[in-house]
């Protein structure tokens, strides 16, 4: 079979399409014939050895796949050969077939396409855990989403609206803001691509956020970008608000803790991967809730670009550029 391998540490241009044997499942494992593999930010990190997990080379990037079950290992009872599934693999997804743990493999409804299924769990699963489990968001609350046009950003708009929140989408261009409004965002704010760390720039950005969320402030802030955006966003939080720490593509911020005291707010970590491992039963309930919302028509992943397997490196490069809208999918079909 074909697989797009990382043979040495480096950028997307170092990936090589190779022929490898079809995987064989061990106990508790599933082999999925991959129809679609979505691209996520960790894919750009893992091939450069900058991710928290460093698999032995050679390996294929790609942590979120959808397709049909090709084979199952001993002890697997949750799925059967031929089932339509999505799976989280950590790596290995950019190939014609991928190994996945059975506990991270889920049947999908007949109404769900493979492209949608491959775009579901890392984004919408993270956001559902963040908003429901960690922020305990309530109908009528204001949700500020940073990086709102990306994969988790669009998912935050979709699920925020499905959960009854007023959603303010913060993005780096008017084009992205228009897309967020089309997805249902109640308001948008366009911030600079490089806001700067000097006091004047930080104050100006804080005022942008405050004007967008309103006088009462944002009850929940979903921050998947970090960097110089974090402190100005924190200054716009409501009393007893919840600041969700999700990711740091713009750098790890160091918010002044006096703001946390003055706002009476919480800074809340969101580590979806660790949550799924530590509480798989709770995770499975969340997946069932997401499947139900999808079938009710409450959301549908926004997929902006498709790439063939041989050009999976270009897909990763596009995502890493921060120009992607919604999700990017690598497909093993025309």
C-alpha atoms as a PDB file:
ATOM      1  CA  UNK A   1       0.000   0.000   0.000  1.00  0.00           C
ATOM      2  CA  UNK A   2       0.990   3.652  -0.323  1.00  0.00           C
ATOM      3  CA  UNK A   3       1.954   5.792   2.676  1.00  0.00           C
ATOM      4  CA  UNK A   4       3.357   9.312   3.004  1.00  0.00           C
ATOM      5  CA  UNK A   5       6.343   8.837   5.301  1.00  0.00           C
ATOM      6  CA  UNK A   6       8.455  11.118   7.446  1.00  0.00           C
ATOM      7  CA  UNK A   7      11.888   9.556   7.095  1.00  0.00           C
ATOM      8  CA  UNK A   8      13.843  12.367   8.720  1.00  0.00           C
ATOM      9  CA  UNK A   9      12.839  15.341  10.839  1.00  0.00           C
ATOM     10  CA  UNK A  10      11.866  18.346   8.774  1.00  0.00           C
ATOM     11  CA  UNK A  11       9.082  20.324   7.145  1.00  0.00           C
ATOM     12  CA  UNK A  12       6.298  19.089   4.860  1.00  0.00           C
ATOM     13  CA  UNK A  13       8.692  19.049   1.880  1.00  0.00           C
ATOM     14  CA  UNK A  14      10.596  16.125   3.466  1.00  0.00           C
ATOM     15  CA  UNK A  15       7.638  13.739   3.279  1.00  0.00           C
ATOM     16  CA  UNK A  16       8.012  10.864   0.802  1.00  0.00           C
ATOM     17  CA  UNK A  17       5.387   8.616  -0.806  1.00  0.00           C
ATOM     18  CA  UNK A  18       6.486   5.004  -0.342  1.00  0.00           C
ATOM     19  CA  UNK A  19       5.208   1.436  -0.694  1.00  0.00           C
ATOM     20  CA  UNK A  20       4.825  -0.407   2.620  1.00  0.00           C
ATOM     21  CA  UNK A  21       3.118  -3.622   3.766  1.00  0.00           C
ATOM     22  CA  UNK A  22      -0.516  -3.481   4.805  1.00  0.00           C
ATOM     23  CA  UNK A  23      -0.756  -3.136   8.606  1.00  0.00           C
ATOM     24  CA  UNK A  24      -1.748  -6.090  10.739  1.00  0.00           C
ATOM     25  CA  UNK A  25      -3.800  -5.407  13.888  1.00  0.00           C
ATOM     26  CA  UNK A  26      -2.590  -6.483  17.286  1.00  0.00           C
ATOM     27  CA  UNK A  27      -4.839  -7.103  20.297  1.00  0.00           C
ATOM     28  CA  UNK A  28      -7.267  -4.221  20.779  1.00  0.00           C
ATOM     29  CA  UNK A  29      -6.388  -2.671  17.419  1.00  0.00           C
ATOM     30  CA  UNK A  30      -8.296  -1.964  14.222  1.00  0.00           C
ATOM     31  CA  UNK A  31      -7.064  -1.525  10.654  1.00  0.00           C
ATOM     32  CA  UNK A  32      -9.031   1.141   8.784  1.00  0.00           C
ATOM     33  CA  UNK A  33      -8.971   1.438   5.007  1.00  0.00           C
ATOM     34  CA  UNK A  34      -8.560   5.197   4.841  1.00  0.00           C
ATOM     35  CA  UNK A  35     -10.936   7.153   2.627  1.00  0.00           C
ATOM     36  CA  UNK A  36     -10.167  10.547   4.172  1.00  0.00           C
ATOM     37  CA  UNK A  37      -7.606  11.976   6.592  1.00  0.00           C
ATOM     38  CA  UNK A  38      -7.963  15.518   7.900  1.00  0.00           C
ATOM     39  CA  UNK A  39      -4.967  17.760   8.582  1.00  0.00           C
ATOM     40  CA  UNK A  40      -4.427  19.158  12.066  1.00  0.00           C
ATOM     41  CA  UNK A  41      -1.834  21.448  13.597  1.00  0.00           C
ATOM     42  CA  UNK A  42      -0.010  18.586  15.413  1.00  0.00           C
ATOM     43  CA  UNK A  43       0.774  17.083  11.981  1.00  0.00           C
ATOM     44  CA  UNK A  44       3.086  20.032  11.298  1.00  0.00           C
ATOM     45  CA  UNK A  45       4.757  19.598  14.685  1.00  0.00           C
ATOM     46  CA  UNK A  46       5.174  15.821  14.735  1.00  0.00           C
ATOM     47  CA  UNK A  47       7.206  15.655  11.496  1.00  0.00           C
ATOM     48  CA  UNK A  48       9.628  18.233  12.926  1.00  0.00           C
ATOM     49  CA  UNK A  49       9.957  16.392  16.275  1.00  0.00           C
ATOM     50  CA  UNK A  50       8.261  19.318  18.050  1.00  0.00           C
ATOM     51  CA  UNK A  51       5.196  17.406  19.278  1.00  0.00           C
ATOM     52  CA  UNK A  52       4.845  15.812  22.714  1.00  0.00           C
ATOM     53  CA  UNK A  53       4.697  12.381  21.063  1.00  0.00           C
ATOM     54  CA  UNK A  54       7.708  11.378  18.956  1.00  0.00           C
ATOM     55  CA  UNK A  55       6.984   8.174  17.035  1.00  0.00           C
ATOM     56  CA  UNK A  56       9.785   5.997  15.711  1.00  0.00           C
ATOM     57  CA  UNK A  57      10.635   6.730  12.080  1.00  0.00           C
ATOM     58  CA  UNK A  58       9.602   6.112   9.425  1.00  0.00           C
ATOM     59  CA  UNK A  59       5.992   7.041  10.085  1.00  0.00           C
ATOM     60  CA  UNK A  60       3.131   8.784   8.312  1.00  0.00           C
ATOM     61  CA  UNK A  61       1.574  11.926   9.814  1.00  0.00           C
ATOM     62  CA  UNK A  62      -2.191  12.144  10.081  1.00  0.00           C
ATOM     63  CA  UNK A  63      -4.093  11.567  13.297  1.00  0.00           C
ATOM     64  CA  UNK A  64      -7.742  11.658  12.234  1.00  0.00           C
ATOM     65  CA  UNK A  65      -9.128   9.273   9.624  1.00  0.00           C
ATOM     66  CA  UNK A  66     -12.381   7.880   8.308  1.00  0.00           C
ATOM     67  CA  UNK A  67     -13.056   4.804   6.206  1.00  0.00           C
ATOM     68  CA  UNK A  68     -14.094   1.175   6.566  1.00  0.00           C
ATOM     69  CA  UNK A  69     -12.777  -1.459   8.952  1.00  0.00           C
ATOM     70  CA  UNK A  70     -10.420  -3.782   7.067  1.00  0.00           C
ATOM     71  CA  UNK A  71      -9.367  -6.029   9.966  1.00  0.00           C
ATOM     72  CA  UNK A  72      -9.686  -6.289  13.742  1.00  0.00           C
ATOM     73  CA  UNK A  73      -7.364  -7.673  16.387  1.00  0.00           C
ATOM     74  CA  UNK A  74      -8.080 -10.016  19.278  1.00  0.00           C
ATOM     75  CA  UNK A  75     -10.550  -8.720  21.833  1.00  0.00           C
ATOM     76  CA  UNK A  76     -12.165  -6.106  19.590  1.00  0.00           C
ATOM     77  CA  UNK A  77     -15.952  -6.213  19.852  1.00  0.00           C
ATOM     78  CA  UNK A  78     -16.986  -2.573  19.373  1.00  0.00           C
ATOM     79  CA  UNK A  79     -16.592  -2.627  15.579  1.00  0.00           C
ATOM     80  CA  UNK A  80     -16.584  -5.289  12.858  1.00  0.00           C
ATOM     81  CA  UNK A  81     -15.011  -5.699   9.425  1.00  0.00           C
ATOM     82  CA  UNK A  82     -16.886  -3.525   6.926  1.00  0.00           C
ATOM     83  CA  UNK A  83     -18.156  -0.965   9.445  1.00  0.00           C
ATOM     84  CA  UNK A  84     -17.964   2.698   8.449  1.00  0.00           C
ATOM     85  CA  UNK A  85     -15.871   4.429  11.134  1.00  0.00           C
ATOM     86  CA  UNK A  86     -13.811   7.401  12.182  1.00  0.00           C
ATOM     87  CA  UNK A  87     -10.667   6.902  14.230  1.00  0.00           C
ATOM     88  CA  UNK A  88      -7.979   8.856  16.056  1.00  0.00           C
ATOM     89  CA  UNK A  89      -4.535   7.403  15.373  1.00  0.00           C
ATOM     90  CA  UNK A  90      -1.961   9.967  16.714  1.00  0.00           C
ATOM     91  CA  UNK A  91      -0.012   9.256  13.482  1.00  0.00           C
ATOM     92  CA  UNK A  92      -0.218   6.974  10.457  1.00  0.00           C
ATOM     93  CA  UNK A  93      -3.325   8.450   8.857  1.00  0.00           C
ATOM     94  CA  UNK A  94      -1.777   9.655   5.590  1.00  0.00           C
ATOM     95  CA  UNK A  95      -1.739   6.197   4.048  1.00  0.00           C
ATOM     96  CA  UNK A  96      -4.098   3.819   2.286  1.00  0.00           C
ATOM     97  CA  UNK A  97      -4.698   2.061   5.605  1.00  0.00           C
ATOM     98  CA  UNK A  98      -4.022   2.953   9.223  1.00  0.00           C
ATOM     99  CA  UNK A  99      -3.835   1.228  12.587  1.00  0.00           C
ATOM    100  CA  UNK A 100      -6.041   2.640  15.345  1.00  0.00           C
ATOM    101  CA  UNK A 101      -6.885   1.634  18.914  1.00  0.00           C
ATOM    102  CA  UNK A 102     -10.356   0.114  19.076  1.00  0.00           C
ATOM    103  CA  UNK A 103     -11.253   2.454  21.955  1.00  0.00           C
ATOM    104  CA  UNK A 104     -10.563   5.424  19.649  1.00  0.00           C
ATOM    105  CA  UNK A 105     -12.556   4.019  16.726  1.00  0.00           C
ATOM    106  CA  UNK A 106     -16.239   4.923  16.412  1.00  0.00           C
ATOM    107  CA  UNK A 107     -19.008   3.877  14.045  1.00  0.00           C
ATOM    108  CA  UNK A 108     -20.463   6.730  12.035  1.00  0.00           C
ATOM    109  CA  UNK A 109     -24.051   7.225  10.850  1.00  0.00           C
ATOM    110  CA  UNK A 110     -24.950   6.422   7.246  1.00  0.00           C
ATOM    111  CA  UNK A 111     -25.782  10.115   6.786  1.00  0.00           C
ATOM    112  CA  UNK A 112     -22.187  11.161   7.578  1.00  0.00           C
ATOM    113  CA  UNK A 113     -19.692  11.338   4.713  1.00  0.00           C
ATOM    114  CA  UNK A 114     -16.137  10.100   5.185  1.00  0.00           C
ATOM    115  CA  UNK A 115     -14.856  13.653   4.637  1.00  0.00           C
ATOM    116  CA  UNK A 116     -17.097  15.002   7.407  1.00  0.00           C
ATOM    117  CA  UNK A 117     -16.204  12.098   9.700  1.00  0.00           C
ATOM    118  CA  UNK A 118     -12.464  12.686   9.250  1.00  0.00           C
ATOM    119  CA  UNK A 119     -13.020  16.358  10.131  1.00  0.00           C
ATOM    120  CA  UNK A 120     -15.074  15.764  13.251  1.00  0.00           C
ATOM    121  CA  UNK A 121     -13.342  14.483  16.328  1.00  0.00           C
ATOM    122  CA  UNK A 122     -10.154  16.473  16.942  1.00  0.00           C
ATOM    123  CA  UNK A 123     -11.925  19.787  16.358  1.00  0.00           C
ATOM    124  CA  UNK A 124     -15.516  19.278  17.483  1.00  0.00           C
ATOM    125  CA  UNK A 125     -14.453  16.782  20.160  1.00  0.00           C
ATOM    126  CA  UNK A 126     -11.989  19.294  21.598  1.00  0.00           C
ATOM    127  CA  UNK A 127     -14.526  22.120  21.468  1.00  0.00           C
ATOM    128  CA  UNK A 128     -17.346  20.078  23.004  1.00  0.00           C
ATOM    129  CA  UNK A 129     -15.071  19.027  25.874  1.00  0.00           C
ATOM    130  CA  UNK A 130     -13.892  22.616  26.282  1.00  0.00           C
ATOM    131  CA  UNK A 131     -17.299  24.310  26.255  1.00  0.00           C
ATOM    132  CA  UNK A 132     -19.370  21.673  28.055  1.00  0.00           C
ATOM    133  CA  UNK A 133     -16.967  19.903  30.433  1.00  0.00           C
ATOM    134  CA  UNK A 134     -14.457  22.644  31.195  1.00  0.00           C
ATOM    135  CA  UNK A 135     -16.342  25.941  30.740  1.00  0.00           C
ATOM    136  CA  UNK A 136     -19.836  24.699  31.632  1.00  0.00           C
ATOM    137  CA  UNK A 137     -21.186  27.218  29.155  1.00  0.00           C
ATOM    138  CA  UNK A 138     -24.811  28.307  29.570  1.00  0.00           C
ATOM    139  CA  UNK A 139     -27.384  29.531  27.052  1.00  0.00           C
ATOM    140  CA  UNK A 140     -27.230  33.302  26.702  1.00  0.00           C
ATOM    141  CA  UNK A 141     -23.573  33.611  27.709  1.00  0.00           C
ATOM    142  CA  UNK A 142     -21.080  35.402  25.460  1.00  0.00           C
ATOM    143  CA  UNK A 143     -18.325  33.284  23.901  1.00  0.00           C
ATOM    144  CA  UNK A 144     -15.245  34.986  22.394  1.00  0.00           C
ATOM    145  CA  UNK A 145     -13.366  32.738  19.949  1.00  0.00           C
ATOM    146  CA  UNK A 146      -9.780  33.608  18.954  1.00  0.00           C
ATOM    147  CA  UNK A 147      -8.618  32.227  15.605  1.00  0.00           C
ATOM    148  CA  UNK A 148     -12.253  31.680  14.733  1.00  0.00           C
ATOM    149  CA  UNK A 149     -11.763  30.799  11.053  1.00  0.00           C
ATOM    150  CA  UNK A 150      -9.559  27.745  11.665  1.00  0.00           C
ATOM    151  CA  UNK A 151     -10.730  24.196  12.279  1.00  0.00           C
ATOM    152  CA  UNK A 152     -11.360  24.470  16.020  1.00  0.00           C
ATOM    153  CA  UNK A 153     -12.517  28.067  15.534  1.00  0.00           C
ATOM    154  CA  UNK A 154     -15.308  27.121  13.126  1.00  0.00           C
ATOM    155  CA  UNK A 155     -16.223  24.223  15.431  1.00  0.00           C
ATOM    156  CA  UNK A 156     -16.420  26.697  18.334  1.00  0.00           C
ATOM    157  CA  UNK A 157     -18.827  28.897  16.402  1.00  0.00           C
ATOM    158  CA  UNK A 158     -20.972  25.902  15.420  1.00  0.00           C
ATOM    159  CA  UNK A 159     -21.142  24.337  18.867  1.00  0.00           C
ATOM    160  CA  UNK A 160     -21.327  27.671  20.667  1.00  0.00           C
ATOM    161  CA  UNK A 161     -24.478  28.493  18.705  1.00  0.00           C
ATOM    162  CA  UNK A 162     -25.856  24.959  19.141  1.00  0.00           C
ATOM    163  CA  UNK A 163     -25.406  25.366  22.915  1.00  0.00           C
ATOM    164  CA  UNK A 164     -27.223  28.711  22.947  1.00  0.00           C
ATOM    165  CA  UNK A 165     -24.302  31.130  23.357  1.00  0.00           C
ATOM    166  CA  UNK A 166     -23.798  34.545  21.776  1.00  0.00           C
ATOM    167  CA  UNK A 167     -20.633  34.019  19.702  1.00  0.00           C
ATOM    168  CA  UNK A 168     -18.049  36.714  18.927  1.00  0.00           C
ATOM    169  CA  UNK A 169     -15.531  35.533  16.310  1.00  0.00           C
ATOM    170  CA  UNK A 170     -12.050  37.104  16.313  1.00  0.00           C
ATOM    171  CA  UNK A 171      -9.984  36.707  13.127  1.00  0.00           C
ATOM    172  CA  UNK A 172      -7.141  38.314  11.167  1.00  0.00           C
ATOM    173  CA  UNK A 173      -8.996  39.459   8.028  1.00  0.00           C
ATOM    174  CA  UNK A 174     -12.374  40.719   6.865  1.00  0.00           C
ATOM    175  CA  UNK A 175     -12.586  37.741   4.490  1.00  0.00           C
ATOM    176  CA  UNK A 176     -12.365  35.385   7.463  1.00  0.00           C
ATOM    177  CA  UNK A 177     -14.838  37.523   9.417  1.00  0.00           C
ATOM    178  CA  UNK A 178     -17.385  37.195   6.601  1.00  0.00           C
ATOM    179  CA  UNK A 179     -17.045  33.406   6.675  1.00  0.00           C
ATOM    180  CA  UNK A 180     -17.560  33.397  10.452  1.00  0.00           C
ATOM    181  CA  UNK A 181     -20.723  35.465  10.077  1.00  0.00           C
ATOM    182  CA  UNK A 182     -21.967  32.987   7.473  1.00  0.00           C
ATOM    183  CA  UNK A 183     -21.393  30.214  10.033  1.00  0.00           C
ATOM    184  CA  UNK A 184     -23.604  32.056  12.506  1.00  0.00           C
ATOM    185  CA  UNK A 185     -21.278  34.268  14.547  1.00  0.00           C
ATOM    186  CA  UNK A 186     -23.272  37.079  16.142  1.00  0.00           C
ATOM    187  CA  UNK A 187     -20.382  39.540  15.906  1.00  0.00           C
ATOM    188  CA  UNK A 188     -16.840  39.631  14.567  1.00  0.00           C
ATOM    189  CA  UNK A 189     -13.627  41.484  15.345  1.00  0.00           C
ATOM    190  CA  UNK A 190     -10.624  41.745  13.010  1.00  0.00           C
ATOM    191  CA  UNK A 191      -7.290  41.897  14.812  1.00  0.00           C
ATOM    192  CA  UNK A 192      -3.765  42.447  13.407  1.00  0.00           C
ATOM    193  CA  UNK A 193      -1.823  39.368  12.276  1.00  0.00           C
ATOM    194  CA  UNK A 194       0.986  40.598  14.526  1.00  0.00           C
ATOM    195  CA  UNK A 195      -0.572  42.640  17.327  1.00  0.00           C
ATOM    196  CA  UNK A 196       2.734  43.511  18.994  1.00  0.00           C
ATOM    197  CA  UNK A 197       3.717  43.257  22.635  1.00  0.00           C
ATOM    198  CA  UNK A 198       4.276  46.935  23.465  1.00  0.00           C
ATOM    199  CA  UNK A 199       1.770  48.471  25.913  1.00  0.00           C
ATOM    200  CA  UNK A 200       0.065  50.709  23.332  1.00  0.00           C
ATOM    201  CA  UNK A 201      -0.578  47.818  20.928  1.00  0.00           C
ATOM    202  CA  UNK A 202      -1.813  45.584  23.736  1.00  0.00           C
ATOM    203  CA  UNK A 203      -4.174  48.286  24.978  1.00  0.00           C
ATOM    204  CA  UNK A 204      -5.552  48.873  21.479  1.00  0.00           C
ATOM    205  CA  UNK A 205      -6.218  45.160  20.963  1.00  0.00           C
ATOM    206  CA  UNK A 206      -7.876  44.864  24.377  1.00  0.00           C
ATOM    207  CA  UNK A 207     -10.202  47.712  23.402  1.00  0.00           C
ATOM    208  CA  UNK A 208     -11.106  45.905  20.169  1.00  0.00           C
ATOM    209  CA  UNK A 209     -12.087  42.811  22.155  1.00  0.00           C
ATOM    210  CA  UNK A 210     -14.008  44.808  24.764  1.00  0.00           C
ATOM    211  CA  UNK A 211     -15.999  46.662  22.100  1.00  0.00           C
ATOM    212  CA  UNK A 212     -16.899  43.393  20.389  1.00  0.00           C
ATOM    213  CA  UNK A 213     -18.001  41.407  23.451  1.00  0.00           C
ATOM    214  CA  UNK A 214     -19.872  44.270  25.104  1.00  0.00           C
ATOM    215  CA  UNK A 215     -19.705  46.055  28.436  1.00  0.00           C
ATOM    216  CA  UNK A 216     -20.376  42.948  30.523  1.00  0.00           C
ATOM    217  CA  UNK A 217     -17.439  41.099  28.965  1.00  0.00           C
ATOM    218  CA  UNK A 218     -17.018  37.580  27.577  1.00  0.00           C
ATOM    219  CA  UNK A 219     -18.226  34.815  29.859  1.00  0.00           C
ATOM    220  CA  UNK A 220     -16.068  32.260  28.027  1.00  0.00           C
ATOM    221  CA  UNK A 221     -12.942  32.861  25.928  1.00  0.00           C
ATOM    222  CA  UNK A 222     -11.734  30.065  23.638  1.00  0.00           C
ATOM    223  CA  UNK A 223      -8.042  30.700  22.939  1.00  0.00           C
ATOM    224  CA  UNK A 224      -6.374  28.348  20.477  1.00  0.00           C
ATOM    225  CA  UNK A 225      -3.656  30.799  19.369  1.00  0.00           C
ATOM    226  CA  UNK A 226      -1.998  32.276  22.495  1.00  0.00           C
ATOM    227  CA  UNK A 227       0.905  34.689  21.999  1.00  0.00           C
ATOM    228  CA  UNK A 228       0.321  38.432  22.168  1.00  0.00           C
ATOM    229  CA  UNK A 229      -3.426  37.951  21.754  1.00  0.00           C
ATOM    230  CA  UNK A 230      -3.898  36.341  25.160  1.00  0.00           C
ATOM    231  CA  UNK A 231      -3.531  39.222  27.615  1.00  0.00           C
ATOM    232  CA  UNK A 232      -5.739  41.661  25.635  1.00  0.00           C
ATOM    233  CA  UNK A 233      -8.405  38.959  25.375  1.00  0.00           C
ATOM    234  CA  UNK A 234      -8.174  38.260  29.102  1.00  0.00           C
ATOM    235  CA  UNK A 235      -8.801  41.951  29.763  1.00  0.00           C
ATOM    236  CA  UNK A 236     -12.173  41.579  28.023  1.00  0.00           C
ATOM    237  CA  UNK A 237     -13.378  38.702  30.205  1.00  0.00           C
ATOM    238  CA  UNK A 238     -16.497  38.979  32.355  1.00  0.00           C
ATOM    239  CA  UNK A 239     -16.608  38.666  36.123  1.00  0.00           C
ATOM    240  CA  UNK A 240     -16.284  34.942  36.918  1.00  0.00           C
ATOM    241  CA  UNK A 241     -15.515  34.241  33.258  1.00  0.00           C
ATOM    242  CA  UNK A 242     -13.659  31.153  32.072  1.00  0.00           C
ATOM    243  CA  UNK A 243     -10.568  31.499  29.885  1.00  0.00           C
ATOM    244  CA  UNK A 244      -9.974  28.263  27.946  1.00  0.00           C
ATOM    245  CA  UNK A 245      -6.320  27.546  27.134  1.00  0.00           C
ATOM    246  CA  UNK A 246      -6.352  25.345  24.024  1.00  0.00           C
ATOM    247  CA  UNK A 247      -3.158  25.960  22.002  1.00  0.00           C
ATOM    248  CA  UNK A 248      -0.199  28.232  21.287  1.00  0.00           C
ATOM    249  CA  UNK A 249       0.679  28.533  17.562  1.00  0.00           C
ATOM    250  CA  UNK A 250       1.511  32.210  18.213  1.00  0.00           C
ATOM    251  CA  UNK A 251       3.623  31.414  21.294  1.00  0.00           C
ATOM    252  CA  UNK A 252       3.083  30.583  24.961  1.00  0.00           C
ATOM    253  CA  UNK A 253       1.673  33.670  26.727  1.00  0.00           C
ATOM    254  CA  UNK A 254       2.380  34.814  30.269  1.00  0.00           C
ATOM    255  CA  UNK A 255      -0.801  36.531  31.448  1.00  0.00           C
ATOM    256  CA  UNK A 256      -0.480  38.721  34.565  1.00  0.00           C
ATOM    257  CA  UNK A 257      -2.214  36.940  37.408  1.00  0.00           C
ATOM    258  CA  UNK A 258      -3.420  40.197  38.923  1.00  0.00           C
ATOM    259  CA  UNK A 259      -5.973  40.289  36.075  1.00  0.00           C
ATOM    260  CA  UNK A 260      -7.279  36.884  37.162  1.00  0.00           C
ATOM    261  CA  UNK A 261      -7.760  38.213  40.689  1.00  0.00           C
ATOM    262  CA  UNK A 262      -9.425  41.454  39.558  1.00  0.00           C
ATOM    263  CA  UNK A 263     -11.794  39.654  37.199  1.00  0.00           C
ATOM    264  CA  UNK A 264     -12.575  36.813  39.611  1.00  0.00           C
ATOM    265  CA  UNK A 265     -12.097  34.534  36.598  1.00  0.00           C
ATOM    266  CA  UNK A 266     -10.736  31.076  35.923  1.00  0.00           C
ATOM    267  CA  UNK A 267      -7.933  30.097  33.540  1.00  0.00           C
ATOM    268  CA  UNK A 268      -8.850  26.588  32.449  1.00  0.00           C
ATOM    269  CA  UNK A 269      -6.610  24.101  30.645  1.00  0.00           C
ATOM    270  CA  UNK A 270      -8.104  22.051  27.817  1.00  0.00           C
ATOM    271  CA  UNK A 271      -6.057  18.911  27.022  1.00  0.00           C
ATOM    272  CA  UNK A 272      -8.516  16.841  25.017  1.00  0.00           C
ATOM    273  CA  UNK A 273      -6.068  14.016  24.268  1.00  0.00           C
ATOM    274  CA  UNK A 274      -5.308  13.395  27.943  1.00  0.00           C
ATOM    275  CA  UNK A 275      -9.013  13.627  28.782  1.00  0.00           C
ATOM    276  CA  UNK A 276      -9.911  10.898  26.263  1.00  0.00           C
ATOM    277  CA  UNK A 277      -7.242   8.600  27.727  1.00  0.00           C
ATOM    278  CA  UNK A 278      -8.091   9.241  31.378  1.00  0.00           C
ATOM    279  CA  UNK A 279     -11.883   9.049  31.039  1.00  0.00           C
ATOM    280  CA  UNK A 280     -12.752   7.031  27.907  1.00  0.00           C
ATOM    281  CA  UNK A 281     -16.339   6.417  29.055  1.00  0.00           C
ATOM    282  CA  UNK A 282     -16.991  10.156  29.350  1.00  0.00           C
ATOM    283  CA  UNK A 283     -15.280  10.704  25.985  1.00  0.00           C
ATOM    284  CA  UNK A 284     -17.532   8.109  24.336  1.00  0.00           C
ATOM    285  CA  UNK A 285     -20.620   9.896  25.714  1.00  0.00           C
ATOM    286  CA  UNK A 286     -19.325  13.143  24.232  1.00  0.00           C
ATOM    287  CA  UNK A 287     -18.836  11.457  20.842  1.00  0.00           C
ATOM    288  CA  UNK A 288     -22.412  10.138  20.991  1.00  0.00           C
ATOM    289  CA  UNK A 289     -23.645  13.655  21.771  1.00  0.00           C
ATOM    290  CA  UNK A 290     -21.721  15.035  18.782  1.00  0.00           C
ATOM    291  CA  UNK A 291     -23.128  12.355  16.473  1.00  0.00           C
ATOM    292  CA  UNK A 292     -26.643  13.267  17.627  1.00  0.00           C
ATOM    293  CA  UNK A 293     -26.043  16.986  17.004  1.00  0.00           C
ATOM    294  CA  UNK A 294     -24.691  16.200  13.526  1.00  0.00           C
ATOM    295  CA  UNK A 295     -27.717  14.068  12.639  1.00  0.00           C
ATOM    296  CA  UNK A 296     -30.002  16.842  13.911  1.00  0.00           C
ATOM    297  CA  UNK A 297     -28.340  19.214  11.439  1.00  0.00           C
ATOM    298  CA  UNK A 298     -26.865  21.418  14.181  1.00  0.00           C
ATOM    299  CA  UNK A 299     -23.470  21.537  12.480  1.00  0.00           C
ATOM    300  CA  UNK A 300     -21.482  20.310   9.492  1.00  0.00           C
ATOM    301  CA  UNK A 301     -17.674  20.620   9.261  1.00  0.00           C
ATOM    302  CA  UNK A 302     -16.430  23.337   6.906  1.00  0.00           C
ATOM    303  CA  UNK A 303     -13.899  21.743   4.542  1.00  0.00           C
ATOM    304  CA  UNK A 304     -12.137  24.298   2.386  1.00  0.00           C
ATOM    305  CA  UNK A 305      -9.545  22.241   0.510  1.00  0.00           C
ATOM    306  CA  UNK A 306      -8.870  18.674  -0.623  1.00  0.00           C
ATOM    307  CA  UNK A 307      -5.506  17.137  -1.517  1.00  0.00           C
ATOM    308  CA  UNK A 308      -4.553  13.687  -2.857  1.00  0.00           C
ATOM    309  CA  UNK A 309      -2.330  11.502  -0.694  1.00  0.00           C
ATOM    310  CA  UNK A 310       0.789  12.273  -2.768  1.00  0.00           C
ATOM    311  CA  UNK A 311       0.366  15.973  -1.936  1.00  0.00           C
ATOM    312  CA  UNK A 312      -0.293  15.549   1.771  1.00  0.00           C
ATOM    313  CA  UNK A 313       2.819  17.610   2.512  1.00  0.00           C
ATOM    314  CA  UNK A 314       1.288  20.553   0.663  1.00  0.00           C
ATOM    315  CA  UNK A 315      -1.850  20.139   2.780  1.00  0.00           C
ATOM    316  CA  UNK A 316       0.213  20.360   5.984  1.00  0.00           C
ATOM    317  CA  UNK A 317       2.084  23.389   4.643  1.00  0.00           C
ATOM    318  CA  UNK A 318      -1.182  25.141   3.866  1.00  0.00           C
ATOM    319  CA  UNK A 319      -2.501  24.555   7.388  1.00  0.00           C
ATOM    320  CA  UNK A 320       0.759  25.672   9.021  1.00  0.00           C
ATOM    321  CA  UNK A 321       0.618  28.956   7.080  1.00  0.00           C
ATOM    322  CA  UNK A 322      -2.468  29.946   9.122  1.00  0.00           C
ATOM    323  CA  UNK A 323      -4.275  30.789   5.880  1.00  0.00           C
ATOM    324  CA  UNK A 324      -6.584  27.775   6.022  1.00  0.00           C
ATOM    325  CA  UNK A 325     -10.314  28.224   6.493  1.00  0.00           C
ATOM    326  CA  UNK A 326     -11.979  25.402   8.398  1.00  0.00           C
ATOM    327  CA  UNK A 327     -10.570  21.947   7.678  1.00  0.00           C
ATOM    328  CA  UNK A 328      -8.227  20.529   5.015  1.00  0.00           C
ATOM    329  CA  UNK A 329      -8.699  16.895   3.970  1.00  0.00           C
ATOM    330  CA  UNK A 330      -6.344  14.435   2.274  1.00  0.00           C
ATOM    331  CA  UNK A 331      -8.285  11.833   0.286  1.00  0.00           C
ATOM    332  CA  UNK A 332      -7.438   8.430  -1.174  1.00  0.00           C
ATOM    333  CA  UNK A 333      -9.927   8.908  -4.011  1.00  0.00           C
ATOM    334  CA  UNK A 334     -10.753  11.361  -6.754  1.00  0.00           C
END
